[in-house]
Amino acid sequence: MIPALAFLQNAWTAFSPIAAIAGLSGIGLLVLAFVGLSWLPGFLKRPLIFAGVVLIAGAAIYQAGQAKGAHDAFARDAARALAAEKTRTAIAKDITDRVSIQAVRDLAEIQATNKKLQGINDVLAKDSERDRRCTTHDDARRLRDL
């Protein structure tokens, strides 16, 4: 649905009401000269035919210029949007790189801290086991009874 709406928007931007009126007027003059006023002599019909052809040709040229201008404007807008998207992508990539580098640093710091804490925990665990094994249960009971 979006492409259809974009097509209609672009077609409306390229449409020229002045060219449409001029073209329809030229067609009207030709129809009038060939069908409506067929009883007129040739020297009166020829200016009507010439005016109709000139109006149609002028309308076609004007409409072509209008469409070319709209096409150029759309191309400029698309180029700007593409450049902006490339800039956004580059910024997002830079931010992602920075965040990933910081995450790696934080992880390494946490792992180093964990190793230190594990070493301290191991030392404390060995010390507490030595303290507990200094006396037997019987000796501890006898010492409490003193």
N, C-alpha and C. Protein backbone atom coordinates (compact mmCIF):
# COMPACT_ATOMS: atom_id res chain seq x y z
N MET A 1 0.82 -1.18 0.00
CA MET A 1 0.00 0.00 0.00
C MET A 1 0.87 1.25 0.00
N ILE A 2 1.98 1.20 0.73
CA ILE A 2 2.87 2.36 0.80
C ILE A 2 3.43 2.73 -0.57
N PRO A 3 3.89 1.75 -1.39
CA PRO A 3 4.38 2.13 -2.72
C PRO A 3 3.30 2.78 -3.58
N ALA A 4 2.06 2.31 -3.44
CA ALA A 4 0.97 2.90 -4.22
C ALA A 4 0.74 4.35 -3.79
N LEU A 5 0.78 4.58 -2.49
CA LEU A 5 0.61 5.96 -2.01
C LEU A 5 1.77 6.84 -2.43
N ALA A 6 2.97 6.31 -2.40
CA ALA A 6 4.14 7.08 -2.85
C ALA A 6 4.01 7.39 -4.34
N PHE A 7 3.52 6.42 -5.13
CA PHE A 7 3.33 6.65 -6.55
C PHE A 7 2.31 7.76 -6.78
N LEU A 8 1.20 7.71 -6.05
CA LEU A 8 0.17 8.75 -6.21
C LEU A 8 0.70 10.12 -5.79
N GLN A 9 1.48 10.17 -4.72
CA GLN A 9 2.04 11.44 -4.29
C GLN A 9 3.00 11.99 -5.35
N ASN A 10 3.85 11.12 -5.89
CA ASN A 10 4.79 11.56 -6.92
C ASN A 10 4.06 11.99 -8.19
N ALA A 11 3.02 11.25 -8.56
CA ALA A 11 2.25 11.60 -9.75
C ALA A 11 1.55 12.94 -9.56
N TRP A 12 1.01 13.18 -8.38
CA TRP A 12 0.34 14.44 -8.14
C TRP A 12 1.33 15.60 -8.15
N THR A 13 2.53 15.37 -7.63
CA THR A 13 3.54 16.43 -7.64
C THR A 13 3.96 16.74 -9.07
N ALA A 14 4.05 15.74 -9.92
CA ALA A 14 4.47 15.96 -11.31
C ALA A 14 3.32 16.48 -12.17
N PHE A 15 2.08 16.38 -11.68
CA PHE A 15 0.92 16.82 -12.46
C PHE A 15 0.85 18.34 -12.51
N SER A 16 0.54 18.86 -13.67
CA SER A 16 0.40 20.30 -13.84
C SER A 16 -1.02 20.62 -14.30
N PRO A 17 -1.81 21.30 -13.47
CA PRO A 17 -3.17 21.65 -13.89
C PRO A 17 -3.19 22.59 -15.10
N ILE A 18 -2.22 23.47 -15.19
CA ILE A 18 -2.16 24.40 -16.33
C ILE A 18 -1.96 23.63 -17.63
N ALA A 19 -1.03 22.65 -17.60
CA ALA A 19 -0.80 21.84 -18.80
C ALA A 19 -2.04 21.03 -19.15
N ALA A 20 -2.74 20.55 -18.15
CA ALA A 20 -3.95 19.77 -18.41
C ALA A 20 -5.03 20.64 -19.06
N ILE A 21 -5.20 21.84 -18.55
CA ILE A 21 -6.21 22.75 -19.12
C ILE A 21 -5.83 23.14 -20.55
N ALA A 22 -4.53 23.43 -20.76
CA ALA A 22 -4.09 23.82 -22.10
C ALA A 22 -4.27 22.64 -23.08
N GLY A 23 -3.90 21.44 -22.64
CA GLY A 23 -4.05 20.27 -23.51
C GLY A 23 -5.50 19.98 -23.85
N LEU A 24 -6.38 20.07 -22.85
CA LEU A 24 -7.80 19.84 -23.10
C LEU A 24 -8.39 20.93 -24.00
N SER A 25 -7.90 22.16 -23.83
CA SER A 25 -8.36 23.25 -24.70
C SER A 25 -7.94 22.99 -26.14
N GLY A 26 -6.70 22.52 -26.33
CA GLY A 26 -6.24 22.21 -27.69
C GLY A 26 -7.05 21.09 -28.31
N ILE A 27 -7.33 20.05 -27.51
CA ILE A 27 -8.15 18.95 -28.02
C ILE A 27 -9.55 19.46 -28.35
N GLY A 28 -10.07 20.33 -27.51
CA GLY A 28 -11.39 20.90 -27.77
C GLY A 28 -11.41 21.71 -29.06
N LEU A 29 -10.37 22.50 -29.31
CA LEU A 29 -10.31 23.27 -30.55
C LEU A 29 -10.24 22.35 -31.77
N LEU A 30 -9.46 21.27 -31.67
CA LEU A 30 -9.37 20.33 -32.79
C LEU A 30 -10.72 19.65 -33.05
N VAL A 31 -11.38 19.22 -32.00
CA VAL A 31 -12.70 18.59 -32.15
C VAL A 31 -13.68 19.59 -32.75
N LEU A 32 -13.61 20.82 -32.26
CA LEU A 32 -14.50 21.86 -32.78
C LEU A 32 -14.23 22.11 -34.26
N ALA A 33 -12.95 22.15 -34.65
CA ALA A 33 -12.61 22.42 -36.04
C ALA A 33 -13.01 21.27 -36.94
N PHE A 34 -12.81 20.02 -36.50
CA PHE A 34 -13.06 18.87 -37.37
C PHE A 34 -14.52 18.42 -37.36
N VAL A 35 -15.15 18.48 -36.20
CA VAL A 35 -16.50 17.90 -36.11
C VAL A 35 -17.57 18.99 -36.01
N GLY A 36 -17.38 19.89 -35.06
CA GLY A 36 -18.43 20.85 -34.78
C GLY A 36 -18.62 21.89 -35.87
N LEU A 37 -17.55 22.32 -36.43
CA LEU A 37 -17.65 23.38 -37.44
C LEU A 37 -17.20 22.86 -38.80
N SER A 38 -17.66 21.71 -39.15
CA SER A 38 -17.27 21.12 -40.42
C SER A 38 -17.79 21.91 -41.62
N TRP A 39 -18.76 22.75 -41.43
CA TRP A 39 -19.34 23.54 -42.50
C TRP A 39 -18.52 24.81 -42.77
N LEU A 40 -17.53 25.13 -41.85
CA LEU A 40 -16.71 26.33 -42.06
C LEU A 40 -15.76 26.13 -43.23
N PRO A 41 -15.41 27.20 -43.90
CA PRO A 41 -14.42 27.09 -44.96
C PRO A 41 -13.03 26.81 -44.39
N GLY A 42 -12.13 26.32 -45.21
CA GLY A 42 -10.79 25.92 -44.80
C GLY A 42 -9.98 27.04 -44.19
N PHE A 43 -10.11 28.28 -44.70
CA PHE A 43 -9.29 29.38 -44.16
C PHE A 43 -9.70 29.74 -42.73
N LEU A 44 -10.90 29.34 -42.29
CA LEU A 44 -11.30 29.55 -40.90
C LEU A 44 -10.97 28.34 -40.01
N LYS A 45 -10.96 27.16 -40.63
CA LYS A 45 -10.65 25.96 -39.86
C LYS A 45 -9.15 25.87 -39.53
N ARG A 46 -8.32 26.30 -40.50
CA ARG A 46 -6.88 26.16 -40.31
C ARG A 46 -6.37 26.88 -39.05
N PRO A 47 -6.80 28.10 -38.75
CA PRO A 47 -6.32 28.73 -37.50
C PRO A 47 -6.77 27.96 -36.26
N LEU A 48 -7.99 27.40 -36.28
CA LEU A 48 -8.45 26.60 -35.15
C LEU A 48 -7.58 25.36 -34.98
N ILE A 49 -7.29 24.67 -36.07
CA ILE A 49 -6.44 23.47 -36.02
C ILE A 49 -5.04 23.85 -35.56
N PHE A 50 -4.50 24.94 -36.11
CA PHE A 50 -3.15 25.38 -35.72
C PHE A 50 -3.12 25.74 -34.23
N ALA A 51 -4.15 26.48 -33.75
CA ALA A 51 -4.20 26.85 -32.33
C ALA A 51 -4.32 25.59 -31.46
N GLY A 52 -5.11 24.62 -31.89
CA GLY A 52 -5.25 23.38 -31.14
C GLY A 52 -3.94 22.61 -31.06
N VAL A 53 -3.24 22.51 -32.19
CA VAL A 53 -1.96 21.79 -32.21
C VAL A 53 -0.93 22.52 -31.35
N VAL A 54 -0.90 23.85 -31.44
CA VAL A 54 0.05 24.63 -30.63
C VAL A 54 -0.26 24.47 -29.14
N LEU A 55 -1.53 24.51 -28.77
CA LEU A 55 -1.89 24.32 -27.35
C LEU A 55 -1.51 22.92 -26.86
N ILE A 56 -1.75 21.90 -27.66
CA ILE A 56 -1.40 20.53 -27.25
C ILE A 56 0.11 20.39 -27.13
N ALA A 57 0.85 20.90 -28.11
CA ALA A 57 2.31 20.80 -28.06
C ALA A 57 2.88 21.60 -26.88
N GLY A 58 2.34 22.79 -26.67
CA GLY A 58 2.80 23.60 -25.53
C GLY A 58 2.50 22.93 -24.20
N ALA A 59 1.31 22.35 -24.10
CA ALA A 59 0.94 21.65 -22.86
C ALA A 59 1.85 20.44 -22.64
N ALA A 60 2.18 19.72 -23.71
CA ALA A 60 3.05 18.55 -23.58
C ALA A 60 4.45 18.97 -23.14
N ILE A 61 4.96 20.04 -23.73
CA ILE A 61 6.29 20.52 -23.35
C ILE A 61 6.29 21.02 -21.91
N TYR A 62 5.25 21.77 -21.54
CA TYR A 62 5.17 22.28 -20.17
C TYR A 62 5.05 21.13 -19.17
N GLN A 63 4.23 20.13 -19.48
CA GLN A 63 4.08 18.98 -18.59
C GLN A 63 5.38 18.20 -18.49
N ALA A 64 6.10 18.07 -19.58
CA ALA A 64 7.38 17.36 -19.55
C ALA A 64 8.36 18.11 -18.65
N GLY A 65 8.38 19.43 -18.74
CA GLY A 65 9.25 20.22 -17.85
C GLY A 65 8.85 20.08 -16.40
N GLN A 66 7.56 20.08 -16.15
CA GLN A 66 7.07 19.90 -14.78
C GLN A 66 7.46 18.54 -14.24
N ALA A 67 7.31 17.51 -15.05
CA ALA A 67 7.67 16.15 -14.62
C ALA A 67 9.18 16.04 -14.40
N LYS A 68 9.98 16.65 -15.27
CA LYS A 68 11.44 16.61 -15.10
C LYS A 68 11.84 17.32 -13.82
N GLY A 69 11.24 18.45 -13.54
CA GLY A 69 11.54 19.17 -12.29
C GLY A 69 11.16 18.35 -11.07
N ALA A 70 10.01 17.70 -11.12
CA ALA A 70 9.59 16.85 -10.00
C ALA A 70 10.54 15.66 -9.85
N HIS A 71 10.95 15.08 -10.99
CA HIS A 71 11.89 13.95 -10.94
C HIS A 71 13.21 14.38 -10.32
N ASP A 72 13.72 15.53 -10.70
CA ASP A 72 14.97 16.04 -10.13
C ASP A 72 14.84 16.30 -8.63
N ALA A 73 13.70 16.85 -8.24
CA ALA A 73 13.47 17.12 -6.80
C ALA A 73 13.43 15.81 -6.02
N PHE A 74 12.74 14.80 -6.57
CA PHE A 74 12.69 13.51 -5.89
C PHE A 74 14.07 12.87 -5.82
N ALA A 75 14.86 13.01 -6.88
CA ALA A 75 16.21 12.45 -6.87
C ALA A 75 17.07 13.14 -5.81
N ARG A 76 16.94 14.46 -5.67
CA ARG A 76 17.68 15.19 -4.64
C ARG A 76 17.25 14.75 -3.25
N ASP A 77 15.95 14.61 -3.05
CA ASP A 77 15.44 14.16 -1.75
C ASP A 77 15.93 12.75 -1.43
N ALA A 78 15.92 11.88 -2.42
CA ALA A 78 16.39 10.51 -2.20
C ALA A 78 17.88 10.50 -1.88
N ALA A 79 18.66 11.35 -2.56
CA ALA A 79 20.10 11.41 -2.28
C ALA A 79 20.35 11.93 -0.86
N ARG A 80 19.58 12.92 -0.45
CA ARG A 80 19.71 13.44 0.92
C ARG A 80 19.33 12.38 1.94
N ALA A 81 18.24 11.67 1.68
CA ALA A 81 17.80 10.62 2.62
C ALA A 81 18.84 9.50 2.69
N LEU A 82 19.44 9.14 1.55
CA LEU A 82 20.47 8.11 1.55
C LEU A 82 21.70 8.55 2.32
N ALA A 83 22.12 9.81 2.12
CA ALA A 83 23.28 10.33 2.86
C ALA A 83 23.00 10.36 4.36
N ALA A 84 21.80 10.77 4.73
CA ALA A 84 21.44 10.80 6.15
C ALA A 84 21.43 9.39 6.74
N GLU A 85 20.93 8.42 5.99
CA GLU A 85 20.90 7.05 6.47
C GLU A 85 22.31 6.48 6.60
N LYS A 86 23.18 6.82 5.66
CA LYS A 86 24.57 6.37 5.76
C LYS A 86 25.23 6.97 7.00
N THR A 87 24.94 8.24 7.27
CA THR A 87 25.51 8.89 8.46
C THR A 87 24.98 8.21 9.72
N ARG A 88 23.67 7.95 9.77
CA ARG A 88 23.08 7.28 10.93
C ARG A 88 23.69 5.89 11.12
N THR A 89 23.90 5.19 10.03
CA THR A 89 24.50 3.85 10.11
C THR A 89 25.92 3.91 10.64
N ALA A 90 26.69 4.90 10.16
CA ALA A 90 28.07 5.04 10.63
C ALA A 90 28.10 5.38 12.12
N ILE A 91 27.21 6.26 12.56
CA ILE A 91 27.15 6.63 13.98
C ILE A 91 26.76 5.42 14.82
N ALA A 92 25.76 4.66 14.35
CA ALA A 92 25.32 3.48 15.10
C ALA A 92 26.44 2.45 15.18
N LYS A 93 27.19 2.27 14.09
CA LYS A 93 28.31 1.32 14.10
C LYS A 93 29.39 1.78 15.08
N ASP A 94 29.67 3.08 15.09
CA ASP A 94 30.67 3.61 16.02
C ASP A 94 30.23 3.40 17.47
N ILE A 95 28.97 3.66 17.75
CA ILE A 95 28.46 3.47 19.11
C ILE A 95 28.52 1.99 19.49
N THR A 96 28.14 1.12 18.56
CA THR A 96 28.18 -0.32 18.83
C THR A 96 29.61 -0.78 19.10
N ASP A 97 30.56 -0.28 18.32
CA ASP A 97 31.96 -0.64 18.55
C ASP A 97 32.43 -0.18 19.91
N ARG A 98 32.09 1.05 20.27
CA ARG A 98 32.50 1.57 21.58
C ARG A 98 31.89 0.77 22.72
N VAL A 99 30.62 0.45 22.59
CA VAL A 99 29.94 -0.32 23.64
C VAL A 99 30.55 -1.71 23.76
N SER A 100 30.85 -2.35 22.63
CA SER A 100 31.43 -3.70 22.70
C SER A 100 32.83 -3.66 23.30
N ILE A 101 33.62 -2.65 22.96
CA ILE A 101 34.95 -2.53 23.56
C ILE A 101 34.85 -2.34 25.06
N GLN A 102 33.93 -1.48 25.50
CA GLN A 102 33.74 -1.24 26.93
C GLN A 102 33.24 -2.50 27.63
N ALA A 103 32.37 -3.26 26.96
CA ALA A 103 31.87 -4.51 27.56
C ALA A 103 33.01 -5.52 27.74
N VAL A 104 33.90 -5.60 26.77
CA VAL A 104 35.04 -6.51 26.89
C VAL A 104 35.94 -6.08 28.05
N ARG A 105 36.17 -4.78 28.17
CA ARG A 105 36.99 -4.28 29.28
C ARG A 105 36.34 -4.58 30.63
N ASP A 106 35.03 -4.33 30.71
CA ASP A 106 34.32 -4.60 31.96
C ASP A 106 34.36 -6.08 32.31
N LEU A 107 34.19 -6.94 31.31
CA LEU A 107 34.23 -8.37 31.55
C LEU A 107 35.62 -8.80 32.04
N ALA A 108 36.66 -8.27 31.42
CA ALA A 108 38.02 -8.62 31.86
C ALA A 108 38.26 -8.15 33.29
N GLU A 109 37.76 -6.96 33.62
CA GLU A 109 37.92 -6.44 34.98
C GLU A 109 37.17 -7.31 35.99
N ILE A 110 35.98 -7.72 35.64
CA ILE A 110 35.18 -8.56 36.53
C ILE A 110 35.84 -9.93 36.71
N GLN A 111 36.38 -10.49 35.63
CA GLN A 111 37.05 -11.78 35.74
C GLN A 111 38.30 -11.68 36.61
N ALA A 112 39.05 -10.58 36.47
CA ALA A 112 40.23 -10.40 37.31
C ALA A 112 39.83 -10.26 38.78
N THR A 113 38.78 -9.52 39.05
CA THR A 113 38.29 -9.37 40.42
C THR A 113 37.83 -10.71 40.97
N ASN A 114 37.13 -11.49 40.14
CA ASN A 114 36.67 -12.81 40.58
C ASN A 114 37.85 -13.73 40.91
N LYS A 115 38.92 -13.65 40.11
CA LYS A 115 40.10 -14.48 40.40
C LYS A 115 40.72 -14.08 41.73
N LYS A 116 40.82 -12.77 41.99
CA LYS A 116 41.37 -12.30 43.27
C LYS A 116 40.50 -12.78 44.43
N LEU A 117 39.20 -12.62 44.27
CA LEU A 117 38.29 -13.05 45.33
C LEU A 117 38.34 -14.56 45.53
N GLN A 118 38.48 -15.31 44.46
CA GLN A 118 38.58 -16.76 44.58
C GLN A 118 39.86 -17.15 45.33
N GLY A 119 40.94 -16.43 45.02
CA GLY A 119 42.19 -16.70 45.74
C GLY A 119 42.06 -16.41 47.22
N ILE A 120 41.44 -15.28 47.55
CA ILE A 120 41.23 -14.93 48.96
C ILE A 120 40.32 -15.97 49.61
N ASN A 121 39.28 -16.38 48.92
CA ASN A 121 38.35 -17.38 49.45
C ASN A 121 39.06 -18.71 49.69
N ASP A 122 39.93 -19.08 48.77
CA ASP A 122 40.69 -20.33 48.96
C ASP A 122 41.58 -20.24 50.19
N VAL A 123 42.26 -19.11 50.37
CA VAL A 123 43.12 -18.93 51.54
C VAL A 123 42.30 -18.98 52.82
N LEU A 124 41.18 -18.29 52.84
CA LEU A 124 40.31 -18.30 54.03
C LEU A 124 39.76 -19.69 54.30
N ALA A 125 39.41 -20.42 53.25
CA ALA A 125 38.87 -21.77 53.44
C ALA A 125 39.94 -22.69 54.04
N LYS A 126 41.19 -22.55 53.58
CA LYS A 126 42.26 -23.39 54.13
C LYS A 126 42.53 -23.04 55.58
N ASP A 127 42.52 -21.73 55.90
CA ASP A 127 42.76 -21.31 57.28
C ASP A 127 41.66 -21.80 58.21
N SER A 128 40.42 -21.72 57.77
CA SER A 128 39.32 -22.15 58.65
C SER A 128 39.35 -23.65 58.87
N GLU A 129 39.76 -24.40 57.85
CA GLU A 129 39.86 -25.84 58.01
C GLU A 129 40.99 -26.20 59.00
N ARG A 130 42.09 -25.46 58.93
CA ARG A 130 43.19 -25.74 59.85
C ARG A 130 42.78 -25.45 61.30
N ASP A 131 42.03 -24.34 61.48
CA ASP A 131 41.60 -24.00 62.84
C ASP A 131 40.65 -25.07 63.38
N ARG A 132 39.79 -25.56 62.55
CA ARG A 132 38.83 -26.54 63.01
C ARG A 132 39.49 -27.88 63.31
N ARG A 133 40.57 -28.20 62.68
CA ARG A 133 41.18 -29.50 62.86
C ARG A 133 42.30 -29.50 63.92
N CYS A 134 42.47 -28.39 64.57
CA CYS A 134 43.53 -28.33 65.59
C CYS A 134 43.25 -29.28 66.77
N THR A 135 42.03 -29.43 67.11
CA THR A 135 41.69 -30.33 68.21
C THR A 135 40.66 -31.33 67.73
N THR A 136 40.61 -32.42 68.41
CA THR A 136 39.60 -33.42 68.08
C THR A 136 38.32 -33.04 68.81
N HIS A 137 37.28 -33.73 68.51
CA HIS A 137 36.00 -33.46 69.17
C HIS A 137 36.07 -33.79 70.66
N ASP A 138 36.76 -34.83 70.96
CA ASP A 138 36.88 -35.22 72.38
C ASP A 138 37.65 -34.18 73.15
N ASP A 139 38.74 -33.69 72.57
CA ASP A 139 39.53 -32.66 73.25
C ASP A 139 38.72 -31.37 73.41
N ALA A 140 37.98 -31.02 72.42
CA ALA A 140 37.17 -29.81 72.51
C ALA A 140 36.12 -29.95 73.61
N ARG A 141 35.53 -31.14 73.74
CA ARG A 141 34.52 -31.38 74.77
C ARG A 141 35.17 -31.31 76.17
N ARG A 142 36.32 -31.87 76.29
CA ARG A 142 37.01 -31.83 77.58
C ARG A 142 37.40 -30.41 77.95
N LEU A 143 37.82 -29.63 76.92
CA LEU A 143 38.20 -28.23 77.23
C LEU A 143 36.97 -27.42 77.64
N ARG A 144 35.84 -27.70 77.07
CA ARG A 144 34.65 -26.97 77.46
C ARG A 144 34.21 -27.33 78.88
N ASP A 145 34.44 -28.56 79.25
CA ASP A 145 34.04 -28.99 80.59
C ASP A 145 34.93 -28.42 81.67
N LEU A 146 36.05 -27.88 81.36
CA LEU A 146 36.95 -27.36 82.39
C LEU A 146 36.40 -26.22 83.11
